[in-house]
Amino acid sequence: MNPEREGPLTKLTNFVYRLLVIEAAFVLAVLPALLGIFFLEQDPSNIPLYAFFALFFGPAITAGVYAWRADHDLVPWLRFWKGWADSLGQSLTVWTPAVVLAALAAFNAAFAQVEFGFILGGAVVAAAGGILAIALLVIIGHFSFRTRDLFTVAMYGTASAPVAALGIISLCILAGAIVVVFSDWVAVLMASLLLLLLGRTALPMMVQIQQGLVTKDGSQRTASLS
């Protein structure tokens, strides 16, 4: 079907279908983490286990961004799992350090006998690491850069499209607020919509990366930025 000839009702139906399918795929991808978190006692001694379960979310975020890239893709379920499988190793490579930083900050706040300023500083560093990791996951969901080039690519994208970078930060804050005000389960059930917003918000940055770092034949040229 030609997307330009679709009526409003067809477009709405396709959107809802994609929203629900990608949401279902995301929940399935993080289901082991959801079950583990549900049965874990909320005790600081379980911080390492919470960190382990948080690792499941990185590849799922990349896969969700990848699945939303094709607006008229009729098989978003297959596209999600293709993105998950193709990017699994690279997603974990950039997501794991952010999770470790968050776990260290939480452990420090729970057990270390330090001033509040050190605890706050650790939380800020962990939050910054998480936002950077999410930006890198979005890039992975759009391109196939080498892992060692990703930070350079992210800095280029931020400098080229600072408003998009601020938008990514705002969405991360929004997701955090949903978890704090409502529940982490609410954030999970809104994951598909949040990932759609994340992809749309980051689109200007992705366009700048495409134009500046990807040649017409599809190969990357990040070496020139090193």
N, C-alpha and C. Protein backbone atom coordinates (compact mmCIF):
# COMPACT_ATOMS: atom_id res chain seq x y z
N MET A 1 0.84 -1.20 0.00
CA MET A 1 0.00 0.00 0.00
C MET A 1 0.88 1.24 0.00
N ASN A 2 0.50 2.23 -0.83
CA ASN A 2 1.25 3.48 -0.89
C ASN A 2 0.92 4.33 0.33
N PRO A 3 1.90 4.67 1.19
CA PRO A 3 1.63 5.44 2.41
C PRO A 3 0.99 6.79 2.13
N GLU A 4 1.31 7.37 0.96
CA GLU A 4 0.77 8.69 0.64
C GLU A 4 -0.72 8.65 0.34
N ARG A 5 -1.25 7.46 0.02
CA ARG A 5 -2.66 7.32 -0.33
C ARG A 5 -3.48 6.78 0.84
N GLU A 6 -2.86 6.56 1.97
CA GLU A 6 -3.58 6.06 3.13
C GLU A 6 -4.45 7.16 3.73
N GLY A 7 -5.64 6.80 4.18
CA GLY A 7 -6.50 7.74 4.85
C GLY A 7 -6.13 7.91 6.30
N PRO A 8 -6.74 8.91 6.97
CA PRO A 8 -6.43 9.17 8.39
C PRO A 8 -6.70 7.97 9.28
N LEU A 9 -7.80 7.24 9.02
CA LEU A 9 -8.14 6.09 9.86
C LEU A 9 -7.11 4.98 9.68
N THR A 10 -6.67 4.76 8.44
CA THR A 10 -5.65 3.73 8.19
C THR A 10 -4.34 4.09 8.86
N LYS A 11 -3.96 5.36 8.77
CA LYS A 11 -2.72 5.80 9.42
C LYS A 11 -2.80 5.64 10.92
N LEU A 12 -3.95 5.99 11.51
CA LEU A 12 -4.13 5.84 12.95
C LEU A 12 -4.07 4.37 13.35
N THR A 13 -4.73 3.51 12.57
CA THR A 13 -4.73 2.08 12.86
C THR A 13 -3.31 1.51 12.80
N ASN A 14 -2.56 1.90 11.77
CA ASN A 14 -1.18 1.42 11.64
C ASN A 14 -0.32 1.91 12.79
N PHE A 15 -0.55 3.16 13.21
CA PHE A 15 0.24 3.71 14.31
C PHE A 15 -0.04 2.94 15.61
N VAL A 16 -1.31 2.71 15.90
CA VAL A 16 -1.67 1.99 17.12
C VAL A 16 -1.13 0.56 17.07
N TYR A 17 -1.22 -0.06 15.90
CA TYR A 17 -0.69 -1.41 15.74
C TYR A 17 0.80 -1.45 16.02
N ARG A 18 1.55 -0.53 15.44
CA ARG A 18 2.99 -0.49 15.66
C ARG A 18 3.31 -0.19 17.12
N LEU A 19 2.55 0.72 17.72
CA LEU A 19 2.76 1.08 19.12
C LEU A 19 2.61 -0.13 20.02
N LEU A 20 1.56 -0.90 19.81
CA LEU A 20 1.28 -2.05 20.66
C LEU A 20 2.27 -3.19 20.41
N VAL A 21 2.64 -3.41 19.14
CA VAL A 21 3.55 -4.51 18.82
C VAL A 21 4.94 -4.23 19.39
N ILE A 22 5.43 -3.01 19.20
CA ILE A 22 6.75 -2.66 19.72
C ILE A 22 6.75 -2.67 21.25
N GLU A 23 5.65 -2.25 21.84
CA GLU A 23 5.53 -2.32 23.30
C GLU A 23 5.60 -3.76 23.79
N ALA A 24 4.88 -4.66 23.11
CA ALA A 24 4.89 -6.06 23.49
C ALA A 24 6.30 -6.66 23.34
N ALA A 25 6.98 -6.29 22.26
CA ALA A 25 8.34 -6.80 22.05
C ALA A 25 9.29 -6.27 23.12
N PHE A 26 9.14 -5.01 23.48
CA PHE A 26 10.00 -4.42 24.51
C PHE A 26 9.79 -5.12 25.85
N VAL A 27 8.52 -5.32 26.21
CA VAL A 27 8.22 -5.98 27.48
C VAL A 27 8.80 -7.40 27.49
N LEU A 28 8.68 -8.11 26.38
CA LEU A 28 9.23 -9.45 26.32
C LEU A 28 10.76 -9.43 26.44
N ALA A 29 11.39 -8.43 25.83
CA ALA A 29 12.86 -8.34 25.87
C ALA A 29 13.37 -8.08 27.29
N VAL A 30 12.60 -7.36 28.09
CA VAL A 30 13.04 -7.04 29.45
C VAL A 30 12.30 -7.86 30.50
N LEU A 31 11.54 -8.86 30.06
CA LEU A 31 10.72 -9.64 31.00
C LEU A 31 11.55 -10.29 32.11
N PRO A 32 12.72 -10.87 31.81
CA PRO A 32 13.52 -11.43 32.92
C PRO A 32 13.86 -10.38 33.98
N ALA A 33 14.15 -9.15 33.52
CA ALA A 33 14.45 -8.08 34.47
C ALA A 33 13.22 -7.71 35.28
N LEU A 34 12.07 -7.62 34.61
CA LEU A 34 10.84 -7.25 35.31
C LEU A 34 10.49 -8.28 36.38
N LEU A 35 10.63 -9.54 36.05
CA LEU A 35 10.34 -10.59 37.03
C LEU A 35 11.33 -10.56 38.19
N GLY A 36 12.60 -10.36 37.85
CA GLY A 36 13.61 -10.31 38.90
C GLY A 36 13.40 -9.14 39.84
N ILE A 37 13.10 -7.97 39.27
CA ILE A 37 12.88 -6.79 40.10
C ILE A 37 11.62 -6.95 40.95
N PHE A 38 10.60 -7.61 40.38
CA PHE A 38 9.35 -7.80 41.11
C PHE A 38 9.57 -8.65 42.37
N PHE A 39 10.39 -9.68 42.24
CA PHE A 39 10.58 -10.61 43.37
C PHE A 39 11.70 -10.19 44.31
N LEU A 40 12.51 -9.21 43.89
CA LEU A 40 13.60 -8.77 44.76
C LEU A 40 13.07 -7.91 45.91
N GLU A 41 13.60 -8.12 47.07
CA GLU A 41 13.28 -7.26 48.19
C GLU A 41 13.97 -5.91 48.01
N GLN A 42 13.26 -4.84 48.30
CA GLN A 42 13.82 -3.50 48.12
C GLN A 42 14.77 -3.19 49.28
N ASP A 43 15.96 -3.73 49.15
CA ASP A 43 16.99 -3.57 50.17
C ASP A 43 18.29 -3.17 49.50
N PRO A 44 19.06 -2.26 50.10
CA PRO A 44 20.32 -1.83 49.47
C PRO A 44 21.29 -2.97 49.17
N SER A 45 21.20 -4.05 49.91
CA SER A 45 22.09 -5.18 49.65
C SER A 45 21.83 -5.83 48.29
N ASN A 46 20.67 -5.55 47.71
CA ASN A 46 20.32 -6.13 46.42
C ASN A 46 20.69 -5.22 45.25
N ILE A 47 21.42 -4.14 45.51
CA ILE A 47 21.81 -3.22 44.43
C ILE A 47 22.54 -3.93 43.29
N PRO A 48 23.49 -4.84 43.57
CA PRO A 48 24.15 -5.54 42.45
C PRO A 48 23.16 -6.33 41.57
N LEU A 49 22.14 -6.92 42.19
CA LEU A 49 21.16 -7.66 41.40
C LEU A 49 20.28 -6.72 40.58
N TYR A 50 19.91 -5.58 41.16
CA TYR A 50 19.17 -4.57 40.41
C TYR A 50 19.99 -4.11 39.20
N ALA A 51 21.28 -3.93 39.40
CA ALA A 51 22.16 -3.51 38.31
C ALA A 51 22.20 -4.58 37.21
N PHE A 52 22.28 -5.84 37.62
CA PHE A 52 22.29 -6.91 36.62
C PHE A 52 21.02 -6.89 35.78
N PHE A 53 19.88 -6.75 36.44
CA PHE A 53 18.62 -6.74 35.71
C PHE A 53 18.49 -5.49 34.82
N ALA A 54 19.11 -4.39 35.22
CA ALA A 54 19.05 -3.17 34.41
C ALA A 54 19.76 -3.34 33.08
N LEU A 55 20.68 -4.30 32.98
CA LEU A 55 21.40 -4.52 31.73
C LEU A 55 20.46 -4.91 30.59
N PHE A 56 19.33 -5.53 30.92
CA PHE A 56 18.40 -5.96 29.87
C PHE A 56 17.80 -4.79 29.11
N PHE A 57 17.77 -3.61 29.72
CA PHE A 57 17.07 -2.49 29.10
C PHE A 57 17.85 -1.85 27.97
N GLY A 58 19.19 -1.91 28.01
CA GLY A 58 19.98 -1.27 26.97
C GLY A 58 19.69 -1.80 25.58
N PRO A 59 19.87 -3.11 25.33
CA PRO A 59 19.55 -3.64 24.00
C PRO A 59 18.10 -3.44 23.59
N ALA A 60 17.18 -3.45 24.57
CA ALA A 60 15.76 -3.24 24.26
C ALA A 60 15.51 -1.82 23.79
N ILE A 61 16.21 -0.85 24.38
CA ILE A 61 16.06 0.55 23.94
C ILE A 61 16.55 0.70 22.50
N THR A 62 17.72 0.12 22.20
CA THR A 62 18.23 0.18 20.84
C THR A 62 17.27 -0.46 19.86
N ALA A 63 16.75 -1.63 20.21
CA ALA A 63 15.83 -2.33 19.33
C ALA A 63 14.54 -1.55 19.11
N GLY A 64 14.04 -0.89 20.16
CA GLY A 64 12.84 -0.09 20.00
C GLY A 64 13.05 1.10 19.08
N VAL A 65 14.18 1.77 19.23
CA VAL A 65 14.51 2.89 18.33
C VAL A 65 14.62 2.39 16.89
N TYR A 66 15.28 1.26 16.72
CA TYR A 66 15.45 0.67 15.39
C TYR A 66 14.10 0.30 14.78
N ALA A 67 13.20 -0.26 15.59
CA ALA A 67 11.90 -0.67 15.08
C ALA A 67 11.04 0.51 14.65
N TRP A 68 11.17 1.65 15.32
CA TRP A 68 10.37 2.83 14.99
C TRP A 68 10.90 3.58 13.78
N ARG A 69 12.11 3.24 13.33
CA ARG A 69 12.71 3.99 12.23
C ARG A 69 11.89 3.90 10.95
N ALA A 70 11.32 2.76 10.65
CA ALA A 70 10.53 2.57 9.43
C ALA A 70 9.06 2.79 9.77
N ASP A 71 8.54 3.96 9.43
CA ASP A 71 7.18 4.32 9.82
C ASP A 71 6.13 3.40 9.21
N HIS A 72 6.40 2.84 8.03
CA HIS A 72 5.39 2.04 7.35
C HIS A 72 5.79 0.57 7.24
N ASP A 73 6.68 0.17 8.14
CA ASP A 73 7.09 -1.22 8.17
C ASP A 73 5.93 -2.06 8.71
N LEU A 74 5.53 -3.09 7.96
CA LEU A 74 4.37 -3.89 8.35
C LEU A 74 4.72 -5.01 9.32
N VAL A 75 5.99 -5.22 9.59
CA VAL A 75 6.39 -6.28 10.51
C VAL A 75 7.29 -5.70 11.61
N PRO A 76 6.77 -4.80 12.43
CA PRO A 76 7.60 -4.19 13.48
C PRO A 76 8.12 -5.21 14.48
N TRP A 77 7.39 -6.32 14.66
CA TRP A 77 7.85 -7.37 15.58
C TRP A 77 9.18 -7.94 15.11
N LEU A 78 9.26 -8.31 13.85
CA LEU A 78 10.50 -8.86 13.30
C LEU A 78 11.60 -7.81 13.26
N ARG A 79 11.23 -6.58 12.97
CA ARG A 79 12.23 -5.51 12.91
C ARG A 79 12.82 -5.26 14.30
N PHE A 80 11.99 -5.29 15.32
CA PHE A 80 12.48 -5.11 16.68
C PHE A 80 13.53 -6.17 17.02
N TRP A 81 13.23 -7.42 16.76
CA TRP A 81 14.15 -8.49 17.15
C TRP A 81 15.39 -8.53 16.26
N LYS A 82 15.26 -8.07 15.03
CA LYS A 82 16.45 -7.94 14.20
C LYS A 82 17.39 -6.88 14.78
N GLY A 83 16.81 -5.74 15.18
CA GLY A 83 17.62 -4.70 15.79
C GLY A 83 18.22 -5.15 17.11
N TRP A 84 17.48 -5.92 17.87
CA TRP A 84 17.98 -6.43 19.16
C TRP A 84 19.17 -7.36 18.94
N ALA A 85 19.03 -8.29 18.01
CA ALA A 85 20.09 -9.27 17.77
C ALA A 85 21.33 -8.62 17.16
N ASP A 86 21.13 -7.73 16.19
CA ASP A 86 22.26 -7.12 15.49
C ASP A 86 23.08 -6.20 16.39
N SER A 87 22.44 -5.58 17.37
CA SER A 87 23.12 -4.57 18.18
C SER A 87 23.40 -5.03 19.61
N LEU A 88 23.13 -6.29 19.92
CA LEU A 88 23.21 -6.76 21.30
C LEU A 88 24.57 -6.48 21.94
N GLY A 89 25.63 -6.91 21.28
CA GLY A 89 26.96 -6.74 21.86
C GLY A 89 27.35 -5.29 22.02
N GLN A 90 27.11 -4.48 20.99
CA GLN A 90 27.50 -3.08 21.04
C GLN A 90 26.65 -2.31 22.05
N SER A 91 25.36 -2.64 22.13
CA SER A 91 24.48 -1.98 23.10
C SER A 91 24.94 -2.25 24.53
N LEU A 92 25.28 -3.51 24.82
CA LEU A 92 25.75 -3.84 26.15
C LEU A 92 27.09 -3.18 26.46
N THR A 93 27.92 -3.01 25.43
CA THR A 93 29.23 -2.37 25.63
C THR A 93 29.08 -0.93 26.11
N VAL A 94 28.10 -0.20 25.59
CA VAL A 94 27.93 1.19 25.99
C VAL A 94 26.99 1.34 27.19
N TRP A 95 26.10 0.37 27.39
CA TRP A 95 25.11 0.46 28.46
C TRP A 95 25.67 -0.01 29.80
N THR A 96 26.54 -1.01 29.78
CA THR A 96 27.07 -1.57 31.02
C THR A 96 27.80 -0.54 31.88
N PRO A 97 28.69 0.30 31.33
CA PRO A 97 29.35 1.30 32.18
C PRO A 97 28.37 2.25 32.86
N ALA A 98 27.30 2.61 32.15
CA ALA A 98 26.31 3.50 32.76
C ALA A 98 25.60 2.82 33.92
N VAL A 99 25.29 1.54 33.76
CA VAL A 99 24.65 0.79 34.83
C VAL A 99 25.59 0.65 36.03
N VAL A 100 26.86 0.39 35.75
CA VAL A 100 27.84 0.28 36.83
C VAL A 100 27.97 1.60 37.59
N LEU A 101 28.00 2.72 36.87
CA LEU A 101 28.06 4.03 37.53
C LEU A 101 26.85 4.25 38.42
N ALA A 102 25.67 3.90 37.91
CA ALA A 102 24.45 4.07 38.71
C ALA A 102 24.48 3.18 39.94
N ALA A 103 24.96 1.95 39.78
CA ALA A 103 25.04 1.04 40.93
C ALA A 103 26.03 1.54 41.97
N LEU A 104 27.16 2.06 41.53
CA LEU A 104 28.15 2.60 42.47
C LEU A 104 27.59 3.81 43.22
N ALA A 105 26.87 4.66 42.49
CA ALA A 105 26.27 5.83 43.13
C ALA A 105 25.24 5.41 44.17
N ALA A 106 24.42 4.41 43.82
CA ALA A 106 23.40 3.93 44.76
C ALA A 106 24.05 3.26 45.97
N PHE A 107 25.09 2.47 45.73
CA PHE A 107 25.80 1.79 46.81
C PHE A 107 26.46 2.81 47.74
N ASN A 108 27.03 3.85 47.13
CA ASN A 108 27.68 4.90 47.91
C ASN A 108 26.67 5.63 48.78
N ALA A 109 25.50 5.93 48.21
CA ALA A 109 24.46 6.62 48.97
C ALA A 109 23.91 5.76 50.10
N ALA A 110 23.89 4.44 49.89
CA ALA A 110 23.29 3.56 50.89
C ALA A 110 24.24 3.20 52.03
N PHE A 111 25.52 3.07 51.72
CA PHE A 111 26.43 2.52 52.71
C PHE A 111 27.61 3.42 53.10
N ALA A 112 28.06 4.26 52.20
CA ALA A 112 29.26 5.05 52.48
C ALA A 112 28.96 6.18 53.47
N GLN A 113 29.83 6.35 54.43
CA GLN A 113 29.69 7.42 55.40
C GLN A 113 30.42 8.66 54.88
N VAL A 114 29.77 9.35 53.94
CA VAL A 114 30.38 10.52 53.31
C VAL A 114 29.41 11.69 53.36
N GLU A 115 29.94 12.87 53.04
CA GLU A 115 29.11 14.06 53.03
C GLU A 115 28.07 13.99 51.91
N PHE A 116 27.00 14.76 52.12
CA PHE A 116 25.91 14.77 51.14
C PHE A 116 26.42 15.24 49.77
N GLY A 117 27.38 16.14 49.77
CA GLY A 117 27.90 16.65 48.51
C GLY A 117 28.50 15.55 47.64
N PHE A 118 29.19 14.59 48.27
CA PHE A 118 29.77 13.48 47.52
C PHE A 118 28.67 12.58 46.96
N ILE A 119 27.62 12.38 47.74
CA ILE A 119 26.51 11.56 47.27
C ILE A 119 25.82 12.23 46.09
N LEU A 120 25.61 13.54 46.21
CA LEU A 120 24.96 14.28 45.12
C LEU A 120 25.84 14.27 43.87
N GLY A 121 27.14 14.45 44.07
CA GLY A 121 28.05 14.42 42.93
C GLY A 121 28.03 13.08 42.22
N GLY A 122 27.99 12.00 42.99
CA GLY A 122 27.92 10.67 42.39
C GLY A 122 26.63 10.47 41.61
N ALA A 123 25.54 11.00 42.16
CA ALA A 123 24.25 10.88 41.46
C ALA A 123 24.27 11.65 40.14
N VAL A 124 24.87 12.83 40.15
CA VAL A 124 24.95 13.65 38.93
C VAL A 124 25.79 12.95 37.86
N VAL A 125 26.92 12.40 38.28
CA VAL A 125 27.80 11.67 37.34
C VAL A 125 27.06 10.46 36.77
N ALA A 126 26.35 9.73 37.62
CA ALA A 126 25.62 8.56 37.16
C ALA A 126 24.51 8.96 36.18
N ALA A 127 23.81 10.07 36.47
CA ALA A 127 22.76 10.53 35.57
C ALA A 127 23.33 10.95 34.22
N ALA A 128 24.46 11.67 34.26
CA ALA A 128 25.11 12.09 33.01
C ALA A 128 25.55 10.87 32.20
N GLY A 129 26.10 9.87 32.88
CA GLY A 129 26.50 8.64 32.19
C GLY A 129 25.32 7.93 31.57
N GLY A 130 24.19 7.93 32.27
CA GLY A 130 22.99 7.29 31.73
C GLY A 130 22.45 8.00 30.50
N ILE A 131 22.45 9.34 30.54
CA ILE A 131 21.96 10.11 29.40
C ILE A 131 22.87 9.91 28.19
N LEU A 132 24.19 9.93 28.42
CA LEU A 132 25.13 9.69 27.32
C LEU A 132 24.93 8.29 26.74
N ALA A 133 24.73 7.31 27.61
CA ALA A 133 24.53 5.94 27.13
C ALA A 133 23.28 5.83 26.27
N ILE A 134 22.21 6.51 26.68
CA ILE A 134 20.98 6.47 25.89
C ILE A 134 21.19 7.13 24.53
N ALA A 135 21.92 8.25 24.50
CA ALA A 135 22.24 8.88 23.22
C ALA A 135 23.04 7.93 22.32
N LEU A 136 23.97 7.20 22.91
CA LEU A 136 24.75 6.24 22.14
C LEU A 136 23.88 5.09 21.64
N LEU A 137 22.91 4.66 22.44
CA LEU A 137 22.00 3.60 22.02
C LEU A 137 21.15 4.06 20.83
N VAL A 138 20.75 5.32 20.83
CA VAL A 138 19.98 5.86 19.71
C VAL A 138 20.84 5.85 18.44
N ILE A 139 22.11 6.23 18.57
CA ILE A 139 23.02 6.22 17.42
C ILE A 139 23.19 4.79 16.90
N ILE A 140 23.35 3.84 17.82
CA ILE A 140 23.49 2.43 17.42
C ILE A 140 22.24 1.96 16.69
N GLY A 141 21.08 2.46 17.11
CA GLY A 141 19.84 2.08 16.45
C GLY A 141 19.68 2.64 15.05
N HIS A 142 20.54 3.60 14.68
CA HIS A 142 20.46 4.21 13.35
C HIS A 142 21.64 3.87 12.44
N PHE A 143 22.80 3.63 13.04
CA PHE A 143 24.01 3.46 12.24
C PHE A 143 24.79 2.23 12.72
N SER A 144 25.86 1.93 12.00
CA SER A 144 26.71 0.79 12.36
C SER A 144 28.16 1.24 12.53
N PHE A 145 28.37 2.29 13.30
CA PHE A 145 29.72 2.76 13.58
C PHE A 145 30.47 1.77 14.45
N ARG A 146 31.78 1.83 14.37
CA ARG A 146 32.60 1.04 15.28
C ARG A 146 32.40 1.56 16.70
N THR A 147 32.47 0.67 17.67
CA THR A 147 32.24 1.05 19.06
C THR A 147 33.20 2.14 19.51
N ARG A 148 34.46 2.05 19.09
CA ARG A 148 35.45 3.03 19.53
C ARG A 148 35.19 4.42 18.95
N ASP A 149 34.35 4.51 17.92
CA ASP A 149 34.04 5.80 17.31
C ASP A 149 32.76 6.44 17.88
N LEU A 150 32.01 5.69 18.67
CA LEU A 150 30.67 6.15 19.06
C LEU A 150 30.71 7.44 19.87
N PHE A 151 31.67 7.56 20.80
CA PHE A 151 31.72 8.77 21.61
C PHE A 151 32.00 9.99 20.73
N THR A 152 32.92 9.85 19.78
CA THR A 152 33.21 10.95 18.85
C THR A 152 31.98 11.30 18.04
N VAL A 153 31.26 10.29 17.58
CA VAL A 153 30.03 10.52 16.81
C VAL A 153 29.01 11.27 17.66
N ALA A 154 28.86 10.86 18.92
CA ALA A 154 27.90 11.52 19.81
C ALA A 154 28.27 12.98 20.04
N MET A 155 29.56 13.26 20.21
CA MET A 155 29.99 14.64 20.40
C MET A 155 29.75 15.47 19.15
N TYR A 156 29.98 14.88 18.00
CA TYR A 156 29.71 15.57 16.74
C TYR A 156 28.22 15.88 16.60
N GLY A 157 27.39 14.87 16.91
CA GLY A 157 25.95 15.08 16.82
C GLY A 157 25.45 16.13 17.78
N THR A 158 26.01 16.14 19.00
CA THR A 158 25.61 17.13 20.00
C THR A 158 25.98 18.54 19.55
N ALA A 159 27.19 18.69 19.01
CA ALA A 159 27.64 20.01 18.55
C ALA A 159 26.84 20.47 17.33
N SER A 160 26.44 19.52 16.47
CA SER A 160 25.73 19.87 15.25
C SER A 160 24.24 20.12 15.48
N ALA A 161 23.67 19.46 16.49
CA ALA A 161 22.23 19.61 16.77
C ALA A 161 22.02 19.69 18.27
N PRO A 162 22.43 20.81 18.89
CA PRO A 162 22.33 20.91 20.36
C PRO A 162 20.90 20.87 20.88
N VAL A 163 19.95 21.35 20.09
CA VAL A 163 18.55 21.31 20.54
C VAL A 163 18.07 19.88 20.67
N ALA A 164 18.47 19.03 19.71
CA ALA A 164 18.11 17.61 19.78
C ALA A 164 18.75 16.96 21.00
N ALA A 165 19.99 17.33 21.30
CA ALA A 165 20.67 16.78 22.48
C ALA A 165 19.93 17.18 23.75
N LEU A 166 19.48 18.43 23.81
CA LEU A 166 18.70 18.88 24.97
C LEU A 166 17.37 18.14 25.05
N GLY A 167 16.81 17.82 23.88
CA GLY A 167 15.57 17.06 23.86
C GLY A 167 15.75 15.67 24.43
N ILE A 168 16.88 15.03 24.12
CA ILE A 168 17.17 13.71 24.68
C ILE A 168 17.29 13.78 26.19
N ILE A 169 17.98 14.82 26.67
CA ILE A 169 18.10 15.02 28.12
C ILE A 169 16.72 15.20 28.76
N SER A 170 15.87 16.00 28.11
CA SER A 170 14.53 16.26 28.64
C SER A 170 13.70 14.98 28.71
N LEU A 171 13.81 14.14 27.69
CA LEU A 171 13.06 12.88 27.70
C LEU A 171 13.57 11.94 28.79
N CYS A 172 14.88 11.94 29.02
CA CYS A 172 15.43 11.13 30.11
C CYS A 172 14.91 11.61 31.46
N ILE A 173 14.83 12.93 31.61
CA ILE A 173 14.28 13.50 32.86
C ILE A 173 12.81 13.13 33.00
N LEU A 174 12.07 13.20 31.89
CA LEU A 174 10.65 12.84 31.91
C LEU A 174 10.46 11.38 32.32
N ALA A 175 11.26 10.48 31.74
CA ALA A 175 11.16 9.07 32.10
C ALA A 175 11.48 8.86 33.57
N GLY A 176 12.51 9.55 34.07
CA GLY A 176 12.84 9.46 35.48
C GLY A 176 11.73 9.97 36.37
N ALA A 177 11.09 11.06 35.94
CA ALA A 177 9.99 11.62 36.72
C ALA A 177 8.81 10.66 36.77
N ILE A 178 8.55 9.97 35.66
CA ILE A 178 7.46 8.99 35.64
C ILE A 178 7.73 7.87 36.64
N VAL A 179 8.98 7.43 36.70
CA VAL A 179 9.35 6.36 37.63
C VAL A 179 9.17 6.84 39.07
N VAL A 180 9.62 8.07 39.36
CA VAL A 180 9.57 8.59 40.73
C VAL A 180 8.13 8.90 41.16
N VAL A 181 7.38 9.56 40.29
CA VAL A 181 6.04 10.01 40.65
C VAL A 181 5.03 8.87 40.62
N PHE A 182 5.15 8.00 39.62
CA PHE A 182 4.18 6.91 39.47
C PHE A 182 4.83 5.57 39.84
N SER A 183 5.45 4.94 38.88
CA SER A 183 6.07 3.63 39.13
C SER A 183 6.96 3.28 37.94
N ASP A 184 7.93 2.41 38.19
CA ASP A 184 8.75 1.93 37.08
C ASP A 184 7.91 1.11 36.10
N TRP A 185 6.84 0.49 36.59
CA TRP A 185 5.95 -0.27 35.71
C TRP A 185 5.23 0.64 34.74
N VAL A 186 4.87 1.84 35.17
CA VAL A 186 4.23 2.80 34.27
C VAL A 186 5.19 3.19 33.16
N ALA A 187 6.44 3.42 33.51
CA ALA A 187 7.45 3.77 32.49
C ALA A 187 7.62 2.63 31.49
N VAL A 188 7.62 1.38 31.97
CA VAL A 188 7.76 0.24 31.07
C VAL A 188 6.57 0.15 30.13
N LEU A 189 5.37 0.36 30.64
CA LEU A 189 4.17 0.28 29.81
C LEU A 189 4.07 1.45 28.83
N MET A 190 4.82 2.51 29.08
CA MET A 190 4.87 3.63 28.15
C MET A 190 6.13 3.59 27.28
N ALA A 191 6.87 2.50 27.34
CA ALA A 191 8.17 2.43 26.69
C ALA A 191 8.09 2.68 25.19
N SER A 192 7.12 2.07 24.53
CA SER A 192 7.01 2.22 23.07
C SER A 192 6.81 3.68 22.69
N LEU A 193 5.92 4.36 23.40
CA LEU A 193 5.68 5.78 23.11
C LEU A 193 6.92 6.61 23.43
N LEU A 194 7.58 6.33 24.55
CA LEU A 194 8.78 7.08 24.91
C LEU A 194 9.90 6.85 23.89
N LEU A 195 10.01 5.64 23.38
CA LEU A 195 11.03 5.36 22.37
C LEU A 195 10.72 6.05 21.06
N LEU A 196 9.44 6.14 20.72
CA LEU A 196 9.05 6.90 19.53
C LEU A 196 9.44 8.37 19.68
N LEU A 197 9.14 8.95 20.84
CA LEU A 197 9.50 10.34 21.10
C LEU A 197 11.02 10.52 21.10
N LEU A 198 11.72 9.53 21.64
CA LEU A 198 13.18 9.60 21.66
C LEU A 198 13.75 9.62 20.25
N GLY A 199 13.24 8.73 19.40
CA GLY A 199 13.71 8.70 18.02
C GLY A 199 13.39 9.97 17.27
N ARG A 200 12.19 10.49 17.47
CA ARG A 200 11.79 11.73 16.78
C ARG A 200 12.60 12.92 17.28
N THR A 201 12.84 12.96 18.58
CA THR A 201 13.60 14.07 19.16
C THR A 201 15.04 14.06 18.66
N ALA A 202 15.61 12.87 18.53
CA ALA A 202 17.01 12.75 18.11
C ALA A 202 17.18 12.83 16.60
N LEU A 203 16.09 12.89 15.85
CA LEU A 203 16.19 12.85 14.39
C LEU A 203 17.10 13.93 13.80
N PRO A 204 17.00 15.20 14.25
CA PRO A 204 17.92 16.21 13.69
C PRO A 204 19.39 15.85 13.92
N MET A 205 19.71 15.27 15.07
CA MET A 205 21.08 14.85 15.33
C MET A 205 21.48 13.72 14.39
N MET A 206 20.56 12.78 14.15
CA MET A 206 20.86 11.67 13.25
C MET A 206 21.07 12.18 11.82
N VAL A 207 20.30 13.18 11.43
CA VAL A 207 20.45 13.75 10.08
C VAL A 207 21.83 14.39 9.94
N GLN A 208 22.27 15.12 10.96
CA GLN A 208 23.59 15.75 10.91
C GLN A 208 24.70 14.70 10.87
N ILE A 209 24.54 13.64 11.62
CA ILE A 209 25.53 12.55 11.58
C ILE A 209 25.55 11.90 10.22
N GLN A 210 24.36 11.68 9.65
CA GLN A 210 24.27 11.08 8.32
C GLN A 210 24.99 11.94 7.29
N GLN A 211 24.75 13.23 7.34
CA GLN A 211 25.33 14.14 6.35
C GLN A 211 26.82 14.36 6.56
N GLY A 212 27.25 14.37 7.82
CA GLY A 212 28.64 14.71 8.10
C GLY A 212 29.59 13.54 8.21
N LEU A 213 29.05 12.36 8.60
CA LEU A 213 29.94 11.23 8.91
C LEU A 213 29.69 9.99 8.08
N VAL A 214 28.69 10.01 7.22
CA VAL A 214 28.39 8.86 6.39
C VAL A 214 28.49 9.27 4.93
N THR A 215 29.26 8.54 4.16
CA THR A 215 29.44 8.85 2.74
C THR A 215 28.22 8.40 1.95
N LYS A 216 28.17 8.79 0.69
CA LYS A 216 27.01 8.47 -0.13
C LYS A 216 26.85 6.97 -0.36
N ASP A 217 27.95 6.23 -0.29
CA ASP A 217 27.84 4.78 -0.49
C ASP A 217 27.50 4.04 0.80
N GLY A 218 27.28 4.81 1.91
CA GLY A 218 26.85 4.21 3.17
C GLY A 218 27.98 3.90 4.13
N SER A 219 29.22 4.11 3.74
CA SER A 219 30.34 3.83 4.64
C SER A 219 30.58 5.00 5.58
N GLN A 220 31.15 4.71 6.76
CA GLN A 220 31.39 5.76 7.74
C GLN A 220 32.79 6.35 7.58
N ARG A 221 32.93 7.62 7.92
CA ARG A 221 34.22 8.26 7.80
C ARG A 221 34.60 8.97 9.09
N THR A 222 34.39 8.32 10.22
CA THR A 222 34.69 8.94 11.50
C THR A 222 36.17 9.08 11.75
N ALA A 223 36.99 8.36 11.03
CA ALA A 223 38.44 8.45 11.26
C ALA A 223 38.94 9.87 11.07
N SER A 224 38.26 10.63 10.23
CA SER A 224 38.70 12.00 9.98
C SER A 224 38.48 12.91 11.17
N LEU A 225 37.65 12.45 12.12
CA LEU A 225 37.35 13.26 13.30
C LEU A 225 38.25 12.91 14.47
N SER A 226 39.02 11.85 14.37
CA SER A 226 39.83 11.38 15.49
C SER A 226 41.01 12.30 15.74
